[in-house]
Amino acid sequence: MSSDDVFAAFVSAVAESLDEPATCGVDLAKRVHLSRFHFDRVVAAAAGESPAAFRRRLLLERAAYRLLADSAGVLELAIDAGYGSHEAFTRAFTRAYGMSPSQWRREPSRRFFLTAPSGVHFQPPAGLRLPAKKEARGMDVLVRMVEHHVWLTGELIERGAQLDAEALDKPIELSVEGIDDEVSIRYLLDRLVWQEEMWLASVADQPFEVPECGRQVTTPIAELRTRHASAGSRFVALVNRLNEEGRFDETFVDTTCQPPRVFTYGGMVAHVLTFAAHRRSLLVGAFHSAGITDLGAGDPMQFVGEA
């Protein structure tokens, strides 16, 4: 087998053995059908770390994720990670993450990936995250659609400034169950802005408090204008950077949801555009009903087609 084949077989063997704490290097070498000497040499060259260090790191990453995602005790996690005692696990965890497991659990907005020369990490709930085999470049039209979304959101906020509080808060009769209920112009504008803020926080591994569903929205238009001016430009810059670097197929851990989940950057952008399109359409219709029609249907065709 080539070194690439050996490494791929090794990664597969490690993934299959994560729930087998007693697995050792000899066991992994046997699964790959190589001598221990040849196995250690080839894997270390391909992974940038020894087979033992590779597997130990993944088990620590899994333990770090589980500290955030479930209520298992530290001793249980220590045993699952292959450590014989609470103390040994705590020492190893503290060396790797710079804090004890109990401290880590108290501050849940954490990125649990450790430094990995190979780019292979634990991926919840029970798999491994492999680096993309090739750059996945998004079509330029996707970036333009994001730019259109951010531009139109700003324009919708400006149209909202032309309405009084009664018109802003008047219920919009048409809604889609499971996406938004009991919506108003103010509610939808607020939702568009904090959606940008939430995903920026998630990608940067920063805390973000998701507004409570069904809450009464009272955000002033001036505040929405200021927040969108910051979040909108930063979101466009993020999508442009992902496109330029070919990273839409890479994954990140969203710690704003409980338990934390793993998404691709491309999936995140697709999600934002899909749900934002629904909300923008409701807003355009509501503005038409309020007598503000200069945005037409909010169609991105001309915006995206401009040079």
Protein backbone atom coordinates (compact mmCIF):
# COMPACT_ATOMS: atom_id res chain seq x y z
CA MET A 1 0.00 0.00 0.00
CA SER A 2 1.07 3.59 -0.60
CA SER A 3 1.56 5.90 2.36
CA ASP A 4 -1.78 7.56 1.51
CA ASP A 5 -3.50 4.17 1.59
CA VAL A 6 -1.89 3.31 4.91
CA PHE A 7 -2.96 6.62 6.43
CA ALA A 8 -6.53 6.24 5.15
CA ALA A 9 -6.71 2.72 6.60
CA PHE A 10 -5.27 4.01 9.87
CA VAL A 11 -7.83 6.81 10.14
CA SER A 12 -10.61 4.30 9.48
CA ALA A 13 -9.22 1.96 12.16
CA VAL A 14 -9.01 4.80 14.68
CA ALA A 15 -12.60 5.86 13.94
CA GLU A 16 -13.79 2.29 14.53
CA SER A 17 -11.85 2.04 17.80
CA LEU A 18 -12.91 5.24 19.55
CA ASP A 19 -15.29 3.28 21.79
CA GLU A 20 -12.60 0.70 22.59
CA PRO A 21 -10.45 2.35 25.29
CA ALA A 22 -8.01 -0.56 25.52
CA THR A 23 -6.98 -0.33 21.85
CA CYS A 24 -3.22 0.14 21.47
CA GLY A 25 -0.72 0.67 18.66
CA VAL A 26 -0.23 -3.03 18.12
CA ASP A 27 -3.97 -3.50 17.62
CA LEU A 28 -4.15 -0.66 15.09
CA ALA A 29 -1.13 -2.00 13.17
CA LYS A 30 -2.81 -5.39 12.91
CA ARG A 31 -5.98 -3.82 11.54
CA VAL A 32 -3.93 -2.12 8.83
CA HIS A 33 -2.03 -5.38 8.18
CA LEU A 34 1.43 -3.91 8.81
CA SER A 35 4.27 -4.57 11.21
CA ARG A 36 4.33 -2.24 14.19
CA PHE A 37 7.63 -0.68 13.02
CA HIS A 38 6.47 0.01 9.47
CA PHE A 39 3.06 1.16 10.72
CA ASP A 40 4.52 3.70 13.17
CA ARG A 41 6.96 5.07 10.62
CA VAL A 42 4.46 5.54 7.77
CA VAL A 43 1.65 6.96 9.93
CA ALA A 44 3.95 9.40 11.74
CA ALA A 45 5.26 10.68 8.41
CA ALA A 46 1.73 11.13 7.00
CA ALA A 47 0.04 12.45 10.14
CA GLY A 48 2.81 14.60 11.59
CA GLU A 49 2.34 12.86 14.94
CA SER A 50 2.71 9.31 16.19
CA PRO A 51 -0.27 6.92 15.93
CA ALA A 52 -0.63 6.96 19.73
CA ALA A 53 -0.57 10.76 19.91
CA PHE A 54 -3.04 10.98 17.00
CA ARG A 55 -5.58 8.71 18.68
CA ARG A 56 -5.04 10.26 22.12
CA ARG A 57 -5.70 13.73 20.69
CA LEU A 58 -8.94 12.62 19.03
CA LEU A 59 -10.14 11.04 22.27
CA LEU A 60 -9.38 14.28 24.12
CA GLU A 61 -11.29 16.26 21.48
CA ARG A 62 -14.25 13.92 21.89
CA ALA A 63 -14.11 14.32 25.66
CA ALA A 64 -13.95 18.12 25.30
CA TYR A 65 -17.00 18.05 23.03
CA ARG A 66 -18.92 15.79 25.41
CA LEU A 67 -18.14 18.10 28.33
CA LEU A 68 -20.03 20.78 26.39
CA ALA A 69 -22.77 18.61 24.91
CA ASP A 70 -23.90 16.22 27.64
CA SER A 71 -23.92 15.71 31.39
CA ALA A 72 -21.61 12.69 31.65
CA GLY A 73 -19.34 12.77 34.69
CA VAL A 74 -15.64 13.53 34.33
CA LEU A 75 -14.66 10.02 35.49
CA GLU A 76 -16.90 8.43 32.85
CA LEU A 77 -15.34 10.64 30.17
CA ALA A 78 -11.86 9.81 31.47
CA ILE A 79 -12.49 6.07 31.14
CA ASP A 80 -14.01 6.49 27.68
CA ALA A 81 -10.89 8.42 26.65
CA GLY A 82 -8.62 5.59 27.79
CA TYR A 83 -7.39 7.07 31.08
CA GLY A 84 -7.23 4.95 34.21
CA SER A 85 -8.16 7.69 36.65
CA HIS A 86 -9.84 11.05 37.02
CA GLU A 87 -6.47 12.60 37.93
CA ALA A 88 -4.61 11.30 34.86
CA PHE A 89 -7.34 12.53 32.55
CA THR A 90 -7.46 15.95 34.25
CA ARG A 91 -3.69 16.37 33.88
CA ALA A 92 -3.77 15.44 30.19
CA PHE A 93 -6.81 17.61 29.51
CA THR A 94 -5.29 20.62 31.29
CA ARG A 95 -2.03 20.27 29.33
CA ALA A 96 -4.01 20.17 26.06
CA TYR A 97 -6.62 22.85 26.72
CA GLY A 98 -5.05 25.08 29.35
CA MET A 99 -7.81 24.49 31.91
CA SER A 100 -9.35 21.64 33.84
CA PRO A 101 -12.39 19.73 32.56
CA SER A 102 -14.62 21.36 35.18
CA GLN A 103 -13.47 24.86 34.13
CA TRP A 104 -14.02 23.98 30.47
CA ARG A 105 -17.58 22.81 31.17
CA ARG A 106 -18.46 26.08 32.93
CA GLU A 107 -17.57 28.12 29.83
CA PRO A 108 -19.43 26.34 27.02
CA SER A 109 -18.54 28.60 24.08
CA ARG A 110 -15.40 26.68 23.15
CA ARG A 111 -13.74 25.33 20.01
CA PHE A 112 -12.59 21.83 20.94
CA PHE A 113 -10.22 21.17 18.00
CA LEU A 114 -6.60 20.80 19.08
CA THR A 115 -3.62 21.52 16.82
CA ALA A 116 -3.42 18.74 14.21
CA PRO A 117 -0.77 18.62 11.46
CA SER A 118 -2.98 16.25 9.44
CA GLY A 119 -6.14 18.34 9.79
CA VAL A 120 -8.07 15.29 11.11
CA HIS A 121 -10.35 16.02 14.08
CA PHE A 122 -13.16 14.43 16.03
CA GLN A 123 -16.53 15.30 14.49
CA PRO A 124 -19.71 14.91 16.55
CA PRO A 125 -21.54 12.80 17.24
CA ALA A 126 -19.16 9.89 16.67
CA GLY A 127 -17.02 10.39 13.58
CA LEU A 128 -13.87 12.05 12.33
CA ARG A 129 -13.57 15.28 10.37
CA LEU A 130 -11.18 15.01 7.43
CA PRO A 131 -9.73 18.02 5.60
CA ALA A 132 -11.16 18.70 2.16
CA LYS A 133 -9.25 16.84 -0.57
CA LYS A 134 -9.40 19.88 -2.84
CA GLU A 135 -10.43 23.49 -2.62
CA ALA A 136 -14.16 23.97 -3.02
CA ARG A 137 -14.63 27.40 -4.58
CA GLY A 138 -18.11 28.89 -4.49
CA MET A 139 -19.57 30.40 -7.63
CA ASP A 140 -19.25 34.16 -7.79
CA VAL A 141 -23.04 34.34 -8.06
CA LEU A 142 -23.30 33.00 -4.50
CA VAL A 143 -21.20 35.88 -3.21
CA ARG A 144 -23.31 38.34 -5.20
CA MET A 145 -26.46 36.82 -3.70
CA VAL A 146 -25.06 37.39 -0.22
CA GLU A 147 -24.19 40.97 -1.15
CA HIS A 148 -27.74 41.42 -2.47
CA HIS A 149 -29.20 39.99 0.74
CA VAL A 150 -27.16 42.39 2.89
CA TRP A 151 -27.96 45.38 0.63
CA LEU A 152 -31.68 44.62 0.54
CA THR A 153 -31.83 44.14 4.31
CA GLY A 154 -30.36 47.61 4.71
CA GLU A 155 -32.86 49.05 2.26
CA LEU A 156 -35.74 47.35 4.08
CA ILE A 157 -34.57 48.87 7.35
CA GLU A 158 -34.56 52.30 5.71
CA ARG A 159 -38.13 51.76 4.48
CA GLY A 160 -39.09 50.77 8.01
CA ALA A 161 -37.87 54.16 9.17
CA GLN A 162 -40.70 55.71 7.12
CA LEU A 163 -43.41 53.97 9.18
CA ASP A 164 -44.81 54.73 12.60
CA ALA A 165 -44.80 52.22 15.46
CA GLU A 166 -48.32 51.02 14.74
CA ALA A 167 -47.44 50.09 11.15
CA LEU A 168 -44.12 48.52 12.18
CA ASP A 169 -45.78 46.28 14.74
CA LYS A 170 -48.97 45.43 12.84
CA PRO A 171 -49.22 41.62 12.47
CA ILE A 172 -48.47 40.28 9.00
CA GLU A 173 -51.24 37.83 8.23
CA LEU A 174 -49.26 35.53 5.94
CA SER A 175 -46.69 33.38 7.76
CA VAL A 176 -45.14 29.96 7.42
CA GLU A 177 -45.59 27.66 10.40
CA GLY A 178 -42.30 26.42 11.83
CA ILE A 179 -40.24 29.36 10.51
CA ASP A 180 -41.79 32.52 11.97
CA ASP A 181 -45.12 32.93 13.74
CA GLU A 182 -47.02 36.14 14.61
CA VAL A 183 -44.63 38.31 12.62
CA SER A 184 -44.51 42.05 12.04
CA ILE A 185 -42.24 44.32 10.03
CA ARG A 186 -40.20 45.17 13.11
CA TYR A 187 -39.90 41.49 14.07
CA LEU A 188 -38.68 40.43 10.61
CA LEU A 189 -36.15 43.27 10.34
CA ASP A 190 -34.79 42.34 13.77
CA ARG A 191 -34.60 38.69 12.74
CA LEU A 192 -32.63 39.46 9.58
CA VAL A 193 -30.06 41.44 11.55
CA TRP A 194 -29.49 39.04 14.42
CA GLN A 195 -29.23 36.12 11.98
CA GLU A 196 -26.10 37.78 10.57
CA GLU A 197 -24.80 38.48 14.07
CA MET A 198 -25.45 34.92 15.24
CA TRP A 199 -23.52 33.23 12.42
CA LEU A 200 -20.63 35.67 12.70
CA ALA A 201 -20.40 34.80 16.40
CA SER A 202 -20.64 31.09 15.68
CA VAL A 203 -17.88 31.10 13.06
CA ALA A 204 -15.65 33.16 15.37
CA ASP A 205 -16.46 30.84 18.32
CA GLN A 206 -17.88 33.72 20.33
CA PRO A 207 -20.87 33.57 22.68
CA PHE A 208 -24.23 34.65 21.33
CA GLU A 209 -27.59 34.60 23.09
CA VAL A 210 -30.29 33.55 20.63
CA PRO A 211 -33.41 35.67 21.24
CA GLU A 212 -36.29 33.77 22.80
CA CYS A 213 -38.94 32.54 20.37
CA GLY A 214 -42.21 34.41 20.58
CA ARG A 215 -40.62 37.40 22.34
CA GLN A 216 -42.08 40.87 21.90
CA VAL A 217 -39.69 42.78 19.62
CA THR A 218 -39.25 46.46 20.46
CA THR A 219 -35.91 47.17 18.77
CA PRO A 220 -35.79 50.74 17.42
CA ILE A 221 -35.07 51.18 13.72
CA ALA A 222 -32.02 53.34 14.52
CA GLU A 223 -30.49 50.46 16.49
CA LEU A 224 -31.19 47.98 13.68
CA ARG A 225 -29.57 50.36 11.19
CA THR A 226 -26.39 50.57 13.28
CA ARG A 227 -26.16 46.86 13.99
CA HIS A 228 -26.75 45.91 10.35
CA ALA A 229 -24.12 48.38 9.14
CA SER A 230 -21.58 46.43 11.19
CA ALA A 231 -22.84 42.84 10.88
CA GLY A 232 -23.79 43.10 7.20
CA SER A 233 -20.39 44.29 6.04
CA ARG A 234 -18.62 41.70 8.17
CA PHE A 235 -20.83 38.91 6.85
CA VAL A 236 -20.13 39.88 3.22
CA ALA A 237 -16.39 40.01 4.03
CA LEU A 238 -16.58 36.52 5.58
CA VAL A 239 -18.31 35.02 2.53
CA ASN A 240 -15.86 36.70 0.16
CA ARG A 241 -12.94 35.34 2.17
CA LEU A 242 -14.37 31.81 2.18
CA ASN A 243 -14.86 32.04 -1.57
CA GLU A 244 -11.36 33.33 -2.27
CA GLU A 245 -9.77 30.67 -0.06
CA GLY A 246 -11.94 27.82 -1.39
CA ARG A 247 -13.21 26.91 2.07
CA PHE A 248 -16.96 26.42 1.57
CA ASP A 249 -16.53 22.67 2.10
CA GLU A 250 -14.71 23.10 5.43
CA THR A 251 -16.56 22.58 8.69
CA PHE A 252 -16.89 24.56 11.90
CA VAL A 253 -18.51 23.88 15.26
CA ASP A 254 -21.59 25.96 16.04
CA THR A 255 -21.54 26.42 19.81
CA THR A 256 -24.52 28.80 19.77
CA CYS A 257 -26.85 25.78 19.68
CA GLN A 258 -27.19 23.10 22.34
CA PRO A 259 -25.68 20.64 21.94
CA PRO A 260 -23.00 22.12 19.66
CA ARG A 261 -23.25 20.97 16.04
CA VAL A 262 -20.90 20.80 13.06
CA PHE A 263 -21.77 22.56 9.79
CA THR A 264 -19.94 23.37 6.57
CA TYR A 265 -19.45 27.02 5.70
CA GLY A 266 -21.31 26.46 2.43
CA GLY A 267 -24.25 24.94 4.29
CA MET A 268 -24.34 27.92 6.65
CA VAL A 269 -24.46 30.41 3.76
CA ALA A 270 -27.19 28.39 2.01
CA HIS A 271 -29.20 28.37 5.25
CA VAL A 272 -28.90 32.13 5.69
CA LEU A 273 -29.97 32.87 2.12
CA THR A 274 -32.92 30.45 2.20
CA PHE A 275 -34.52 31.71 5.40
CA ALA A 276 -33.64 35.34 4.70
CA ALA A 277 -35.32 35.13 1.28
CA HIS A 278 -38.57 34.06 2.94
CA ARG A 279 -38.40 36.93 5.43
CA ARG A 280 -37.43 39.52 2.83
CA SER A 281 -40.39 38.47 0.65
CA LEU A 282 -42.79 38.89 3.58
CA LEU A 283 -41.30 42.32 4.27
CA VAL A 284 -41.60 43.48 0.65
CA GLY A 285 -45.26 42.45 0.65
CA ALA A 286 -45.89 44.17 3.98
CA PHE A 287 -44.27 47.37 2.73
CA HIS A 288 -46.46 47.24 -0.37
CA SER A 289 -49.50 47.04 1.91
CA ALA A 290 -48.14 50.06 3.81
CA GLY A 291 -47.77 52.02 0.54
CA ILE A 292 -43.98 51.70 0.11
CA THR A 293 -43.36 50.07 -3.27
CA ASP A 294 -40.04 51.39 -4.57
CA LEU A 295 -38.16 48.15 -3.87
CA GLY A 296 -40.42 46.19 -6.21
CA ALA A 297 -40.31 42.49 -5.39
CA GLY A 298 -36.77 42.62 -4.03
CA ASP A 299 -35.64 40.40 -6.91
CA PRO A 300 -31.85 39.83 -6.94
CA MET A 301 -31.70 39.31 -10.73
CA GLN A 302 -30.53 42.79 -11.68
CA PHE A 303 -28.32 43.18 -8.59
CA VAL A 304 -26.48 39.90 -9.23
CA GLY A 305 -26.19 40.64 -12.95
CA GLU A 306 -24.47 43.98 -12.46
CA ALA A 307 -20.74 44.07 -13.14
